[in-house]
Amino acid sequence: SVPFLIRLFPDLLTKFVYLNFLSFPFFVDLRRPELLLNNTINLYLSTEPDITVGIWHTVPGSRAAEAQGKDQRWYEEALADAHPVIIYLHGNGGTR
């Protein structure tokens, strides 16, 4: 009966294979990464009209002492300095 159901409802297969409707860790507000990760803030980029992409900016451990207690402006300026930036693309699961 499972192959028959998959044939009738192909979207059902993608939901159960990828499980992208689940947020892990459970009951955590991913818009507040500073509660989960040290030296991390949440930013948003406007890529096109009406399209906004949420990003986390995490500074390396070598700059941890410097980042303590800093606001969003400091993190934005840190993106523009001479330090390299590593971009990690996690996929389209809907959460960071």
N, C-alpha and C. Protein backbone atom coordinates (compact mmCIF):
# COMPACT_ATOMS: atom_id res chain seq x y z
N SER A 1 0.82 -1.19 0.00
CA SER A 1 0.00 0.00 0.00
C SER A 1 0.86 1.26 0.00
N VAL A 2 2.09 1.20 0.54
CA VAL A 2 2.95 2.38 0.57
C VAL A 2 3.32 2.85 -0.84
N PRO A 3 3.76 1.96 -1.76
CA PRO A 3 4.05 2.43 -3.11
C PRO A 3 2.82 3.06 -3.80
N PHE A 4 1.67 2.52 -3.54
CA PHE A 4 0.46 3.07 -4.12
C PHE A 4 0.19 4.48 -3.59
N LEU A 5 0.38 4.70 -2.31
CA LEU A 5 0.19 6.02 -1.71
C LEU A 5 1.22 7.02 -2.24
N ILE A 6 2.45 6.55 -2.42
CA ILE A 6 3.49 7.43 -2.95
C ILE A 6 3.18 7.82 -4.38
N ARG A 7 2.65 6.88 -5.13
CA ARG A 7 2.27 7.17 -6.52
C ARG A 7 1.15 8.20 -6.57
N LEU A 8 0.21 8.09 -5.67
CA LEU A 8 -0.90 9.05 -5.63
C LEU A 8 -0.51 10.41 -5.06
N PHE A 9 0.39 10.40 -4.08
CA PHE A 9 0.78 11.63 -3.40
C PHE A 9 2.31 11.76 -3.37
N PRO A 10 2.94 12.18 -4.48
CA PRO A 10 4.41 12.27 -4.52
C PRO A 10 4.97 13.29 -3.54
N ASP A 11 4.21 14.32 -3.20
CA ASP A 11 4.70 15.31 -2.24
C ASP A 11 4.86 14.69 -0.85
N LEU A 12 4.07 13.67 -0.58
CA LEU A 12 4.16 12.97 0.70
C LEU A 12 5.54 12.34 0.86
N LEU A 13 6.08 11.80 -0.22
CA LEU A 13 7.40 11.17 -0.18
C LEU A 13 8.46 12.20 0.19
N THR A 14 8.43 13.36 -0.44
CA THR A 14 9.45 14.36 -0.14
C THR A 14 9.35 14.85 1.30
N LYS A 15 8.16 14.93 1.83
CA LYS A 15 8.01 15.35 3.23
C LYS A 15 8.66 14.35 4.18
N PHE A 16 8.50 13.07 3.92
CA PHE A 16 9.02 12.06 4.83
C PHE A 16 10.48 11.71 4.57
N VAL A 17 10.96 11.94 3.37
CA VAL A 17 12.37 11.68 3.09
C VAL A 17 13.23 12.82 3.64
N TYR A 18 12.85 14.06 3.35
CA TYR A 18 13.67 15.20 3.73
C TYR A 18 13.30 15.78 5.09
N LEU A 19 12.11 15.56 5.56
CA LEU A 19 11.65 16.04 6.87
C LEU A 19 11.89 17.54 7.05
N ASN A 20 11.73 18.32 5.97
CA ASN A 20 12.01 19.74 6.07
C ASN A 20 10.92 20.53 6.79
N PHE A 21 9.89 19.87 7.28
CA PHE A 21 8.89 20.54 8.08
C PHE A 21 9.26 20.55 9.57
N LEU A 22 10.33 19.85 9.93
CA LEU A 22 10.78 19.80 11.32
C LEU A 22 11.86 20.85 11.56
N SER A 23 11.82 21.47 12.70
CA SER A 23 12.88 22.38 13.13
C SER A 23 13.64 21.72 14.26
N PHE A 24 14.93 21.63 14.09
CA PHE A 24 15.75 21.04 15.14
C PHE A 24 16.86 22.00 15.49
N PRO A 25 17.15 22.27 16.70
CA PRO A 25 16.56 21.73 17.92
C PRO A 25 15.13 22.25 18.12
N PHE A 26 14.32 21.43 18.76
CA PHE A 26 12.92 21.75 18.95
C PHE A 26 12.75 22.93 19.91
N PHE A 27 11.73 23.72 19.69
CA PHE A 27 11.33 24.83 20.57
C PHE A 27 12.43 25.87 20.75
N VAL A 28 13.22 26.10 19.73
CA VAL A 28 14.28 27.10 19.78
C VAL A 28 13.97 28.15 18.73
N ASP A 29 14.08 29.41 19.12
CA ASP A 29 13.85 30.51 18.20
C ASP A 29 15.14 30.74 17.41
N LEU A 30 15.17 30.31 16.16
CA LEU A 30 16.38 30.40 15.35
C LEU A 30 16.65 31.83 14.88
N ARG A 31 15.74 32.75 15.18
CA ARG A 31 16.00 34.15 14.88
C ARG A 31 16.86 34.80 15.96
N ARG A 32 17.14 34.05 17.04
CA ARG A 32 17.98 34.54 18.14
C ARG A 32 19.17 33.60 18.31
N PRO A 33 20.11 33.59 17.37
CA PRO A 33 21.22 32.63 17.44
C PRO A 33 22.15 32.86 18.62
N GLU A 34 22.16 34.07 19.16
CA GLU A 34 23.05 34.34 20.29
C GLU A 34 22.70 33.50 21.51
N LEU A 35 21.48 32.95 21.54
CA LEU A 35 21.10 32.06 22.63
C LEU A 35 21.68 30.66 22.45
N LEU A 36 22.05 30.32 21.21
CA LEU A 36 22.59 29.00 20.89
C LEU A 36 24.10 29.01 20.69
N LEU A 37 24.59 30.03 20.00
CA LEU A 37 26.00 30.09 19.60
C LEU A 37 26.63 31.38 20.10
N ASN A 38 27.83 31.28 20.60
CA ASN A 38 28.56 32.48 21.02
C ASN A 38 29.00 33.28 19.80
N ASN A 39 29.05 34.58 19.95
CA ASN A 39 29.56 35.50 18.92
C ASN A 39 28.80 35.40 17.61
N THR A 40 27.49 35.24 17.68
CA THR A 40 26.66 35.09 16.48
C THR A 40 25.47 36.03 16.57
N ILE A 41 25.15 36.67 15.44
CA ILE A 41 23.95 37.50 15.38
C ILE A 41 23.17 37.14 14.12
N ASN A 42 21.93 37.56 14.09
CA ASN A 42 21.03 37.33 12.98
C ASN A 42 20.96 38.60 12.13
N LEU A 43 21.16 38.47 10.83
CA LEU A 43 21.06 39.59 9.89
C LEU A 43 20.12 39.20 8.76
N TYR A 44 19.64 40.19 8.03
CA TYR A 44 18.80 39.94 6.86
C TYR A 44 19.35 40.71 5.68
N LEU A 45 19.40 40.05 4.52
CA LEU A 45 19.83 40.67 3.27
C LEU A 45 18.64 40.75 2.33
N SER A 46 18.48 41.90 1.69
CA SER A 46 17.46 42.04 0.65
C SER A 46 18.13 41.76 -0.67
N THR A 47 17.78 40.64 -1.30
CA THR A 47 18.44 40.24 -2.53
C THR A 47 17.74 40.78 -3.77
N GLU A 48 16.43 40.83 -3.72
CA GLU A 48 15.60 41.34 -4.80
C GLU A 48 14.40 42.01 -4.15
N PRO A 49 13.62 42.77 -4.91
CA PRO A 49 12.41 43.32 -4.31
C PRO A 49 11.53 42.21 -3.75
N ASP A 50 11.09 42.38 -2.53
CA ASP A 50 10.21 41.44 -1.83
C ASP A 50 10.86 40.10 -1.50
N ILE A 51 12.19 40.00 -1.58
CA ILE A 51 12.89 38.77 -1.20
C ILE A 51 13.95 39.11 -0.17
N THR A 52 13.84 38.50 0.99
CA THR A 52 14.79 38.72 2.07
C THR A 52 15.37 37.38 2.50
N VAL A 53 16.68 37.35 2.67
CA VAL A 53 17.37 36.14 3.08
C VAL A 53 17.94 36.37 4.47
N GLY A 54 17.64 35.46 5.39
CA GLY A 54 18.18 35.55 6.74
C GLY A 54 19.54 34.87 6.80
N ILE A 55 20.48 35.51 7.49
CA ILE A 55 21.82 34.94 7.63
C ILE A 55 22.26 35.03 9.09
N TRP A 56 23.18 34.19 9.46
CA TRP A 56 23.86 34.30 10.75
C TRP A 56 25.29 34.72 10.48
N HIS A 57 25.77 35.65 11.25
CA HIS A 57 27.17 36.03 11.16
C HIS A 57 27.84 35.59 12.45
N THR A 58 28.79 34.68 12.33
CA THR A 58 29.55 34.17 13.47
C THR A 58 31.00 34.57 13.29
N VAL A 59 31.54 35.26 14.27
CA VAL A 59 32.97 35.60 14.20
C VAL A 59 33.78 34.44 14.76
N PRO A 60 35.01 34.27 14.29
CA PRO A 60 35.83 33.14 14.76
C PRO A 60 36.21 33.29 16.23
N GLY A 61 36.60 32.19 16.82
CA GLY A 61 36.99 32.18 18.23
C GLY A 61 38.13 33.12 18.54
N SER A 62 39.00 33.39 17.57
CA SER A 62 40.13 34.29 17.80
C SER A 62 39.67 35.73 18.03
N ARG A 63 38.45 36.05 17.61
CA ARG A 63 37.91 37.40 17.82
C ARG A 63 36.79 37.40 18.85
N ALA A 64 36.66 36.31 19.60
CA ALA A 64 35.56 36.17 20.56
C ALA A 64 35.60 37.25 21.63
N ALA A 65 36.76 37.51 22.19
CA ALA A 65 36.87 38.53 23.25
C ALA A 65 36.51 39.90 22.71
N GLU A 66 36.89 40.17 21.48
CA GLU A 66 36.59 41.45 20.85
C GLU A 66 35.10 41.61 20.58
N ALA A 67 34.40 40.51 20.31
CA ALA A 67 32.98 40.55 19.94
C ALA A 67 32.03 40.62 21.14
N GLN A 68 32.52 40.34 22.34
CA GLN A 68 31.66 40.31 23.51
C GLN A 68 30.95 41.65 23.72
N GLY A 69 29.62 41.60 23.78
CA GLY A 69 28.82 42.78 24.08
C GLY A 69 28.66 43.76 22.93
N LYS A 70 29.10 43.41 21.75
CA LYS A 70 29.01 44.33 20.61
C LYS A 70 27.62 44.26 19.99
N ASP A 71 27.25 45.33 19.32
CA ASP A 71 25.94 45.41 18.67
C ASP A 71 26.04 45.01 17.21
N GLN A 72 24.92 45.09 16.51
CA GLN A 72 24.85 44.67 15.10
C GLN A 72 25.80 45.48 14.23
N ARG A 73 25.97 46.74 14.52
CA ARG A 73 26.85 47.59 13.71
C ARG A 73 28.29 47.06 13.71
N TRP A 74 28.76 46.60 14.87
CA TRP A 74 30.12 46.06 14.95
C TRP A 74 30.26 44.83 14.06
N TYR A 75 29.26 43.96 14.08
CA TYR A 75 29.30 42.75 13.25
C TYR A 75 29.28 43.10 11.77
N GLU A 76 28.50 44.10 11.39
CA GLU A 76 28.47 44.52 9.99
C GLU A 76 29.81 45.09 9.56
N GLU A 77 30.45 45.86 10.43
CA GLU A 77 31.78 46.40 10.11
C GLU A 77 32.82 45.28 10.06
N ALA A 78 32.65 44.24 10.87
CA ALA A 78 33.57 43.11 10.86
C ALA A 78 33.51 42.36 9.53
N LEU A 79 32.37 42.39 8.88
CA LEU A 79 32.26 41.76 7.56
C LEU A 79 33.08 42.50 6.51
N ALA A 80 33.31 43.79 6.71
CA ALA A 80 34.01 44.60 5.72
C ALA A 80 35.51 44.68 5.94
N ASP A 81 36.03 44.11 7.03
CA ASP A 81 37.47 44.21 7.27
C ASP A 81 38.24 43.18 6.43
N ALA A 82 39.51 43.07 6.67
CA ALA A 82 40.39 42.23 5.84
C ALA A 82 40.30 40.74 6.13
N HIS A 83 39.57 40.33 7.15
CA HIS A 83 39.47 38.91 7.48
C HIS A 83 38.64 38.18 6.43
N PRO A 84 39.00 36.93 6.11
CA PRO A 84 38.21 36.18 5.12
C PRO A 84 36.82 35.82 5.65
N VAL A 85 35.89 35.66 4.74
CA VAL A 85 34.52 35.29 5.08
C VAL A 85 34.24 33.93 4.45
N ILE A 86 33.71 33.00 5.24
CA ILE A 86 33.34 31.68 4.75
C ILE A 86 31.82 31.64 4.69
N ILE A 87 31.28 31.30 3.54
CA ILE A 87 29.83 31.21 3.35
C ILE A 87 29.45 29.75 3.33
N TYR A 88 28.54 29.38 4.21
CA TYR A 88 28.04 28.01 4.28
C TYR A 88 26.59 28.01 3.85
N LEU A 89 26.27 27.30 2.81
CA LEU A 89 24.90 27.21 2.29
C LEU A 89 24.33 25.87 2.74
N HIS A 90 23.33 25.91 3.60
CA HIS A 90 22.81 24.69 4.22
C HIS A 90 21.75 23.98 3.41
N GLY A 91 21.20 24.60 2.40
CA GLY A 91 20.14 23.98 1.62
C GLY A 91 18.83 24.73 1.80
N ASN A 92 17.74 24.11 1.40
CA ASN A 92 16.46 24.81 1.43
C ASN A 92 15.50 24.22 2.45
N GLY A 93 15.99 23.79 3.56
CA GLY A 93 15.14 23.18 4.59
C GLY A 93 14.25 24.16 5.31
N GLY A 94 14.45 25.46 5.14
CA GLY A 94 13.58 26.43 5.76
C GLY A 94 14.05 26.94 7.10
N THR A 95 15.10 26.36 7.66
CA THR A 95 15.65 26.84 8.91
C THR A 95 17.15 26.95 8.79
N ARG A 96 17.73 27.68 9.72
CA ARG A 96 19.19 27.77 9.73
C ARG A 96 19.71 26.81 10.73
